[in-house]
Structure formats: C-alpha cells, structure tokens
Protein backbone atom coordinates (compact mmCIF):
# COMPACT_ATOMS: atom_id res chain seq x y z
CA MET A 1 -46.47 57.12 -18.50
CA LYS A 2 -45.33 53.76 -17.12
CA ARG A 3 -42.31 52.07 -18.64
CA ASN A 4 -42.49 48.36 -19.31
CA ASN A 5 -39.49 46.84 -17.49
CA GLN A 6 -39.80 43.49 -19.24
CA MET A 7 -37.60 43.42 -22.28
CA THR A 8 -37.37 40.67 -24.84
CA PRO A 9 -33.74 39.96 -25.72
CA ARG A 10 -32.94 40.24 -29.38
CA HIS A 11 -29.84 39.05 -31.21
CA SER A 12 -28.87 39.97 -34.68
CA GLY A 13 -28.03 37.19 -37.08
CA SER A 14 -24.44 38.38 -37.22
CA ALA A 15 -24.10 38.20 -33.41
CA VAL A 16 -25.37 34.65 -33.33
CA ALA A 17 -22.93 33.72 -36.08
CA VAL A 18 -20.06 35.18 -34.08
CA ILE A 19 -21.08 33.21 -30.98
CA LEU A 20 -21.29 29.97 -32.94
CA ALA A 21 -17.90 30.64 -34.48
CA LEU A 22 -16.38 31.20 -31.05
CA PHE A 23 -17.82 27.89 -29.78
CA ALA A 24 -16.30 26.15 -32.78
CA LEU A 25 -12.89 27.70 -32.15
CA PHE A 26 -13.03 27.36 -28.36
CA PRO A 27 -15.30 24.45 -27.40
CA PRO A 28 -16.31 24.08 -23.75
CA VAL A 29 -13.50 22.63 -21.70
CA PRO A 30 -14.39 19.12 -20.45
CA ALA A 31 -14.40 18.36 -16.74
CA ALA A 32 -10.88 17.99 -15.39
CA ALA A 33 -9.42 14.51 -15.35
CA CYS A 34 -9.01 12.70 -12.05
CA THR A 35 -5.25 13.26 -11.88
CA SER A 36 -3.26 15.94 -10.12
CA ALA A 37 0.29 16.49 -8.92
CA VAL A 38 0.67 16.45 -5.14
CA GLU A 39 3.71 17.38 -3.08
CA TYR A 40 3.96 15.82 0.36
CA ALA A 41 6.88 15.79 2.79
CA GLY A 42 9.29 16.80 0.07
CA SER A 43 8.27 14.18 -2.52
CA GLN A 44 6.13 14.47 -5.64
CA TYR A 45 3.22 12.18 -6.45
CA GLU A 46 0.73 11.65 -9.26
CA VAL A 47 -2.69 11.19 -7.71
CA CYS A 48 -5.95 10.07 -9.28
CA VAL A 49 -9.05 10.62 -7.15
CA ALA A 50 -11.84 8.76 -8.94
CA ASP A 51 -15.03 10.31 -7.59
CA TYR A 52 -17.86 7.77 -7.68
CA ASN A 53 -20.25 10.29 -9.21
CA ARG A 54 -17.99 10.98 -12.18
CA TYR A 55 -15.97 7.83 -12.76
CA SER A 56 -16.18 4.06 -12.68
CA VAL A 57 -13.11 1.97 -11.85
CA ARG A 58 -12.61 -1.39 -13.53
CA MET A 59 -9.89 -3.97 -14.06
CA PHE A 60 -8.71 -5.63 -17.26
CA TRP A 61 -6.29 -8.46 -17.95
CA LYS A 62 -6.99 -10.15 -21.29
CA ASN A 63 -8.51 -8.99 -24.56
CA ASP A 64 -11.32 -10.65 -26.52
CA ASP A 65 -8.80 -13.14 -27.97
CA GLY A 66 -7.82 -14.31 -24.50
CA LYS A 67 -4.39 -12.66 -24.58
CA PRO A 68 -3.11 -10.15 -22.00
CA TYR A 69 -3.36 -6.54 -23.09
CA GLN A 70 0.27 -6.26 -21.91
CA SER A 71 0.53 -2.47 -22.16
CA LEU A 72 -1.37 0.55 -20.97
CA SER A 73 -1.50 1.92 -24.50
CA ASN A 74 -3.03 -1.32 -25.83
CA LEU A 75 -5.73 -1.20 -23.18
CA TRP A 76 -6.35 2.50 -23.79
CA SER A 77 -6.93 1.87 -27.49
CA ALA A 78 -9.22 -1.10 -26.78
CA LEU A 79 -11.36 0.92 -24.38
CA LYS A 80 -11.68 3.77 -26.87
CA PHE A 81 -12.65 1.26 -29.58
CA LYS A 82 -15.46 0.10 -27.28
CA SER A 83 -16.67 3.72 -26.98
CA LEU A 84 -15.51 4.02 -23.38
CA ASN A 85 -13.74 7.13 -22.09
CA PRO A 86 -10.62 6.22 -20.07
CA VAL A 87 -8.96 9.05 -18.15
CA PHE A 88 -6.37 7.09 -16.17
CA LEU A 89 -4.71 3.67 -16.40
CA THR A 90 -2.14 1.92 -14.22
CA ASN A 91 -0.86 -1.59 -13.59
CA ALA A 92 -2.88 -3.53 -11.02
CA GLY A 93 -0.65 -5.37 -8.62
CA ILE A 94 2.13 -7.93 -8.74
CA TYR A 95 2.17 -10.62 -11.43
CA MET A 96 4.29 -13.53 -12.67
CA ASN A 97 6.59 -13.70 -15.69
CA ASP A 98 3.78 -14.97 -17.90
CA LEU A 99 1.68 -11.91 -16.91
CA THR A 100 -0.61 -13.99 -14.69
CA PRO A 101 -1.71 -12.21 -11.49
CA LEU A 102 0.16 -13.62 -8.49
CA GLY A 103 -2.94 -13.65 -6.31
CA LEU A 104 -6.71 -13.28 -6.36
CA TYR A 105 -8.03 -11.65 -9.49
CA ILE A 106 -11.71 -11.09 -10.26
CA GLU A 107 -12.86 -9.33 -13.42
CA ASP A 108 -16.47 -8.39 -14.07
CA GLY A 109 -17.63 -10.87 -11.43
CA LYS A 110 -15.54 -13.80 -12.69
CA THR A 111 -12.79 -15.25 -10.49
CA LEU A 112 -9.86 -15.79 -12.85
CA ARG A 113 -7.17 -16.38 -10.20
CA SER A 114 -7.67 -17.79 -6.70
CA LEU A 115 -6.65 -16.22 -3.41
CA ASN A 116 -2.95 -16.65 -2.58
CA THR A 117 -2.55 -17.28 1.17
CA ALA A 118 1.12 -18.32 1.10
CA LYS A 119 3.40 -16.73 3.71
CA GLY A 120 7.11 -16.58 4.37
CA LEU A 121 8.16 -16.37 0.72
CA PHE A 122 10.44 -13.73 -0.77
CA GLY A 123 9.05 -10.55 -2.28
CA ASN A 124 6.82 -7.61 -1.45
CA PHE A 125 3.69 -9.57 -2.27
CA TYR A 126 4.32 -11.90 0.68
CA MET A 127 5.17 -9.19 3.21
CA GLN A 128 2.50 -9.43 5.87
CA PRO A 129 -0.15 -8.41 6.07
CA ASN A 130 -0.92 -8.33 2.37
CA GLY A 131 -4.34 -7.57 0.99
CA VAL A 132 -6.86 -7.22 -1.79
CA PHE A 133 -8.27 -4.15 -3.50
CA VAL A 134 -11.91 -4.90 -4.29
CA ILE A 135 -14.76 -3.15 -6.05
CA ASN A 136 -18.26 -4.33 -5.18
CA ASN A 137 -21.31 -4.59 -7.41
CA MET A 138 -22.24 -1.01 -6.58
CA GLY A 139 -18.87 0.21 -7.86
CA ILE A 140 -17.59 1.07 -4.38
CA GLY A 141 -13.95 0.28 -3.66
CA SER A 142 -12.22 -0.93 -0.51
CA VAL A 143 -9.00 -2.55 0.65
CA VAL A 144 -9.13 -5.61 2.92
CA GLU A 145 -6.51 -7.86 4.44
CA THR A 146 -6.07 -11.21 2.72
CA SER A 147 -7.05 -13.03 5.93
CA ARG A 148 -10.44 -11.29 5.84
CA VAL A 149 -11.29 -12.06 2.23
CA ILE A 150 -14.00 -14.63 1.54
CA GLU A 151 -13.00 -15.91 -1.87
CA GLY A 152 -15.79 -15.93 -4.42
CA HIS A 153 -17.76 -13.38 -2.44
CA LYS A 154 -20.69 -12.44 -4.66
CA LYS A 155 -20.31 -8.76 -3.84
CA PHE A 156 -16.88 -8.56 -5.49
CA ARG A 157 -17.14 -7.40 -9.08
CA TYR A 158 -13.41 -6.69 -9.37
CA ALA A 159 -10.47 -7.68 -7.18
CA THR A 160 -6.69 -7.68 -7.34
CA GLN A 161 -4.41 -9.06 -4.62
CA SER A 162 -1.05 -7.54 -3.80
CA GLY A 163 1.15 -6.72 -0.88
CA PRO A 164 2.05 -5.43 1.50
CA MET A 165 -0.77 -3.50 3.13
CA LEU A 166 0.45 0.07 3.57
CA VAL A 167 -2.16 1.08 6.12
CA THR A 168 -4.55 -1.16 8.06
CA ASN A 169 -7.35 0.32 10.12
CA GLY A 170 -5.50 3.61 10.27
CA LYS A 171 -2.17 2.12 11.35
CA ILE A 172 0.97 2.06 9.22
CA ASN A 173 2.42 -1.40 8.61
CA LEU A 174 4.69 -2.19 11.56
CA LYS A 175 7.32 -3.63 9.22
CA PHE A 176 7.98 -0.19 7.74
CA LYS A 177 10.79 1.85 9.24
CA GLU A 178 10.64 5.64 9.28
CA ASP A 179 14.38 5.90 8.54
CA SER A 180 14.50 3.11 5.95
CA PRO A 181 17.11 3.64 3.21
CA HIS A 182 15.13 1.47 0.78
CA ARG A 183 13.55 3.94 -1.59
CA LEU A 184 11.88 3.17 -4.92
CA ILE A 185 9.10 4.43 -7.16
CA ARG A 186 5.90 2.99 -5.69
CA SER A 187 2.20 2.80 -6.56
CA GLY A 188 -0.76 2.03 -4.34
CA VAL A 189 -4.50 2.29 -3.88
CA GLY A 190 -7.04 3.12 -1.20
CA ALA A 191 -10.57 4.45 -0.92
CA THR A 192 -12.52 7.20 0.81
CA ALA A 193 -16.26 7.63 1.20
CA ASN A 194 -16.33 9.60 -2.05
CA GLY A 195 -14.07 7.64 -4.35
CA ILE A 196 -11.04 5.52 -5.09
CA VAL A 197 -7.56 7.02 -4.69
CA ILE A 198 -4.68 5.69 -6.81
CA ILE A 199 -1.21 7.12 -6.25
CA LYS A 200 2.17 6.72 -7.94
CA SER A 201 5.30 8.39 -6.63
CA MET A 202 7.21 10.47 -9.17
CA GLY A 203 10.49 9.60 -7.51
CA ALA A 204 11.93 7.14 -5.03
CA VAL A 205 10.20 6.98 -1.62
CA SER A 206 10.21 4.54 1.28
CA PHE A 207 7.27 2.35 2.24
CA TYR A 208 6.83 4.41 5.39
CA GLU A 209 6.67 7.72 3.49
CA PHE A 210 4.22 6.26 1.00
CA ALA A 211 1.97 4.91 3.73
CA ARG A 212 1.97 8.27 5.53
CA LEU A 213 0.79 9.96 2.35
CA PHE A 214 -2.30 7.76 2.17
CA ARG A 215 -3.12 8.04 5.87
CA ASP A 216 -2.16 11.59 6.77
CA ARG A 217 -2.68 13.49 3.52
CA PHE A 218 -5.79 11.69 2.24
CA GLY A 219 -7.25 10.26 5.44
CA ILE A 220 -7.30 6.71 4.08
CA ARG A 221 -7.53 4.03 6.78
CA ASP A 222 -6.76 1.01 4.55
CA ALA A 223 -4.30 1.22 1.65
CA LEU A 224 -2.54 -1.39 -0.47
CA TYR A 225 0.79 -1.35 -2.27
CA LEU A 226 0.40 -2.23 -5.95
CA ASP A 227 3.90 -2.35 -7.44
CA GLY A 228 7.29 -0.71 -7.61
CA SER A 229 9.75 0.68 -10.12
CA ILE A 230 8.01 -0.73 -13.19
CA SER A 231 4.76 1.05 -12.26
CA ASP A 232 3.45 3.55 -14.77
CA THR A 233 0.33 5.52 -15.60
CA MET A 234 -1.40 6.76 -18.71
CA THR A 235 -3.86 9.63 -18.93
CA ASP A 236 -5.44 11.70 -21.66
CA ALA A 237 -2.70 14.25 -20.94
CA HIS A 238 0.40 12.06 -21.05
CA ASN A 239 1.52 8.77 -22.51
CA VAL A 240 3.44 5.97 -20.82
CA SER A 241 7.12 6.27 -20.00
CA THR A 242 7.98 2.61 -19.34
CA TRP A 243 8.19 1.46 -22.94
CA GLY A 244 8.94 -2.23 -23.32
CA VAL A 245 7.42 -3.25 -19.98
CA SER A 246 4.63 -5.82 -20.19
CA TYR A 247 1.94 -5.81 -17.51
CA GLY A 248 -0.54 -8.33 -16.18
CA ALA A 249 -3.87 -6.93 -15.01
CA MET A 250 -4.48 -3.19 -15.16
CA ILE A 251 -6.79 -0.69 -13.47
CA ALA A 252 -8.83 1.71 -15.59
CA VAL A 253 -10.63 4.84 -14.44
CA ILE A 254 -13.41 5.54 -16.92
CA ARG A 255 -15.47 8.71 -17.20
CA ARG A 256 -19.17 8.03 -16.86
CA GLN A 257 -21.26 8.78 -19.93
C-alpha cells in the first residue's frame, strides 16, 4: 500500500491565536537604520551609509512659514507630521549668524543661495579647495569642487556648499598635516556607487585623520567637510546633544516607503 507523501498542514485555532499573540507582543523588527559606530585609527565615529535602494537624502532649511527649522528636533517633528520616515538628521554645512547658508544652497530644485567663490577669507569654509555636496534629480549624491560647479545646473535637486574639501580625486587636501595638533569634532559627507556616506566624529580628530577615514576606510574619492564642534546628529535611536544650538540648512536621510 502506497503512502501519500503530500500532507496538508493543519493548525488548530488555539495555535493560530498563540502565533498572533506573539506577533502582537514581538512585532517584526524593522530594517536597521543607516547608522553605525565605527572605530578607525583609534578614534570613534558615527557613520550613516544611506543606501540608494533604501533611503532618499534631502535637504531642508525653512518651514512652510518661511522660517528656519533651526533644530534637528524641529525638522524631525515636521517630517513625521508630513508622514515621512526620517532615520538620520545632521546640520548641512557652514552658515551665517542669521542661519543663512554661507554658500550655494539648492532645495528641491530651487536655488535659494548663490555660489560663493570668494577666496582668501578667514574660516574653514574658505580653505581651498572648498566644494559642494550635490544630489541630482535621480537622487544620486556627489561632491565636487566649487570651481567645477555650474551654478543653476538643472541636474542639481539639492546642494550645499562648504569647505574645505577633505579628499579630491582620491587625494587628501594638501593643506592638512598628518601631525596637526588642531583637533575638533568634525562632520563630513561623501558618496560611493551605492549610497551617500555621512560621518561625524565622536571625539576630537584632525582634518588629516578625518580625510583618511573617508578615503581609506570607505574608499571615497571626493569628500567634503560640513562643520565642526557644533555638529550633531539625530536618529530614531538617540536625540540631539547640542541643545540650544540653532542650525541653518540640514540634511535628512529618509526611509523609502
């Protein structure tokens, strides 16, 4: 007598109820956020790798009333109100006392601040070469030197100008010294073929150390410094630590629906 090997699975009503109860108590864990802690050459960094398939990266300066969001927490709340899913926020480059970006700023295809080509002035922004972090209409990010930017380029959907360039075409900025005593918290941005990489040091590091991290640890050939000690981040796992600091434009990493 042949045995039928095909069996129809059966579940009792009580078993199904138990399974449903377990899902209610322990819902599926969502995909991990873009952030991770990275140790490199003795220093600690917070790194967000925004994979193009999972995240979009955008920039925000002012709310619907035309006023700067000012804080990461304000922007986070506004994005949630608009049914968006932020996973990471940080300040987007150097700005003036009135929270106006110091250089080129494009948001959602609109040029709100023009390219700043001044040289020889004091401050990190003017250390040469400086550059622009751009996101094109396809959502792909890149970092380009200021001298190579064609202002108003129709392929720029977002852009923020800052300085100095950390890495240009695979070479660390020649103004950086390996033994420099000038160490601060620093944030910066670059891009790979798969996504946008945003990094903030957890402690004080030199420009040279920070540039090496982008080039040697992440293989990024063009990277831009965003800001220094006032830099902060906000994720769905931790809140901001720089209370009382007001920011100009900000970068948001948003989980795709």
